[in-house]
Amino acid sequence: DAVYDYVRSNLSEALRDEQKTIVILGHSLGGGIAQIVAAKLLSEDKDNNNILSFGVASPGTKYSSKKFGFSVESLHETSISILPERDLVSQIDVHGGETQVIKCQGEHAV
């Protein structure tokens, strides 16, 4: 809730501006937090279509929606995920929204 409250208070003016798109992004667990914050912002204001989250190698957040107070529909509308194949963090939970799986070319990848 602290991250959500921080984003909401610092972006309140931008969230009201229909000419701006807010993109919240993160890597790994930060990507999961970005998805939660964006989905929660949309859940609280269904008319606000200018919020996106972008997660790289992030965990899914679909099964956590009730715990964190956002709708699965909001997750589907706001979330974009890049998921490296064989990445352990990306295999946690189920992803909502748009997803793109990318090949992991490293020799020592899991």
Protein backbone atom coordinates (compact mmCIF):
# COMPACT_ATOMS: atom_id res chain seq x y z
CA ASP A 1 0.00 0.00 0.00
CA ALA A 2 2.90 2.40 0.62
CA VAL A 3 4.04 2.26 -3.02
CA TYR A 4 0.46 2.69 -4.26
CA ASP A 5 -0.14 5.66 -1.94
CA TYR A 6 3.14 7.27 -3.04
CA VAL A 7 2.32 6.93 -6.75
CA ARG A 8 -1.25 8.13 -6.29
CA SER A 9 -0.25 11.22 -4.32
CA ASN A 10 2.63 12.18 -6.62
CA LEU A 11 0.78 11.58 -9.89
CA SER A 12 -2.68 12.82 -8.92
CA GLU A 13 -2.52 15.79 -11.30
CA ALA A 14 -1.17 13.70 -14.20
CA LEU A 15 -3.82 11.03 -13.61
CA ARG A 16 -6.54 13.64 -14.20
CA ASP A 17 -4.95 14.85 -17.47
CA GLU A 18 -6.50 12.91 -20.35
CA GLN A 19 -3.71 14.10 -22.67
CA LYS A 20 -1.08 12.13 -20.71
CA THR A 21 -0.45 8.40 -20.49
CA ILE A 22 1.06 7.13 -17.25
CA VAL A 23 3.39 4.15 -17.73
CA ILE A 24 4.53 2.37 -14.57
CA LEU A 25 7.35 -0.06 -15.23
CA GLY A 26 9.54 -2.48 -13.37
CA HIS A 27 11.79 -5.49 -13.61
CA SER A 28 11.25 -8.75 -11.73
CA LEU A 29 9.35 -8.09 -8.49
CA GLY A 30 9.22 -4.39 -9.39
CA GLY A 31 7.29 -5.38 -12.50
CA GLY A 32 4.74 -7.16 -10.33
CA ILE A 33 4.40 -4.05 -8.16
CA ALA A 34 3.97 -1.92 -11.31
CA GLN A 35 1.13 -4.19 -12.48
CA ILE A 36 -0.59 -4.07 -9.10
CA VAL A 37 -0.36 -0.27 -8.86
CA ALA A 38 -1.64 0.35 -12.40
CA ALA A 39 -4.52 -2.14 -12.06
CA LYS A 40 -5.49 -0.69 -8.69
CA LEU A 41 -5.48 2.86 -10.08
CA LEU A 42 -7.80 1.78 -12.89
CA SER A 43 -10.02 -0.22 -10.52
CA GLU A 44 -10.59 2.94 -8.49
CA ASP A 45 -11.26 5.13 -11.53
CA LYS A 46 -12.79 3.16 -14.40
CA ASP A 47 -12.95 6.29 -16.61
CA ASN A 48 -9.16 6.72 -16.52
CA ASN A 49 -7.88 5.02 -19.69
CA ASN A 50 -4.39 6.50 -19.57
CA ILE A 51 -2.64 4.02 -17.25
CA LEU A 52 -0.33 1.19 -18.37
CA SER A 53 2.10 -1.09 -16.60
CA PHE A 54 5.11 -2.67 -18.23
CA GLY A 55 6.85 -5.56 -16.49
CA VAL A 56 10.01 -7.35 -17.62
CA ALA A 57 10.57 -10.80 -16.10
CA SER A 58 7.83 -10.05 -13.59
CA PRO A 59 5.67 -12.45 -11.60
CA GLY A 60 2.02 -12.76 -12.50
CA THR A 61 -0.50 -10.98 -10.30
CA LYS A 62 -3.87 -12.39 -11.38
CA TYR A 63 -4.42 -14.69 -8.39
CA SER A 64 -3.32 -11.85 -6.07
CA SER A 65 -5.95 -9.40 -7.34
CA LYS A 66 -8.34 -9.78 -4.43
CA LYS A 67 -5.57 -9.48 -1.83
CA PHE A 68 -4.24 -6.26 -3.37
CA GLY A 69 -7.64 -4.76 -4.16
CA PHE A 70 -7.87 -4.60 -7.94
CA SER A 71 -10.06 -6.29 -10.50
CA VAL A 72 -8.81 -8.89 -12.95
CA GLU A 73 -10.42 -6.80 -15.70
CA SER A 74 -8.27 -3.82 -14.70
CA LEU A 75 -5.18 -6.01 -14.83
CA HIS A 76 -6.08 -7.14 -18.35
CA GLU A 77 -6.59 -3.53 -19.47
CA THR A 78 -3.35 -2.11 -18.04
CA SER A 79 -0.71 -4.84 -18.06
CA ILE A 80 2.02 -5.57 -20.62
CA SER A 81 4.62 -8.22 -19.73
CA ILE A 82 7.84 -9.41 -21.37
CA LEU A 83 8.56 -12.90 -20.06
CA PRO A 84 11.90 -14.63 -20.68
CA GLU A 85 11.36 -18.37 -21.12
CA ARG A 86 12.76 -20.43 -18.24
CA ASP A 87 12.77 -17.39 -15.92
CA LEU A 88 11.64 -18.59 -12.49
CA VAL A 89 10.09 -15.30 -11.33
CA SER A 90 7.96 -15.07 -14.48
CA GLN A 91 6.45 -18.48 -13.71
CA ILE A 92 4.91 -17.31 -10.43
CA ASP A 93 1.13 -16.79 -10.59
CA VAL A 94 -0.77 -16.10 -13.82
CA HIS A 95 -0.18 -13.04 -16.00
CA GLY A 96 -2.98 -10.78 -17.14
CA GLY A 97 -3.08 -8.40 -20.07
CA GLU A 98 -0.70 -8.62 -22.99
CA THR A 99 2.27 -10.99 -22.69
CA GLN A 100 5.24 -11.72 -24.91
CA VAL A 101 7.53 -14.67 -24.19
CA ILE A 102 11.10 -14.21 -25.38
CA LYS A 103 13.82 -16.80 -25.90
CA CYS A 104 16.58 -17.01 -23.33
CA GLN A 105 19.81 -17.55 -25.25
CA GLY A 106 22.20 -17.83 -22.32
CA GLU A 107 24.14 -21.08 -21.90
CA HIS A 108 23.67 -21.11 -18.15
CA ALA A 109 20.03 -20.13 -18.03
CA VAL A 110 17.84 -22.24 -15.77
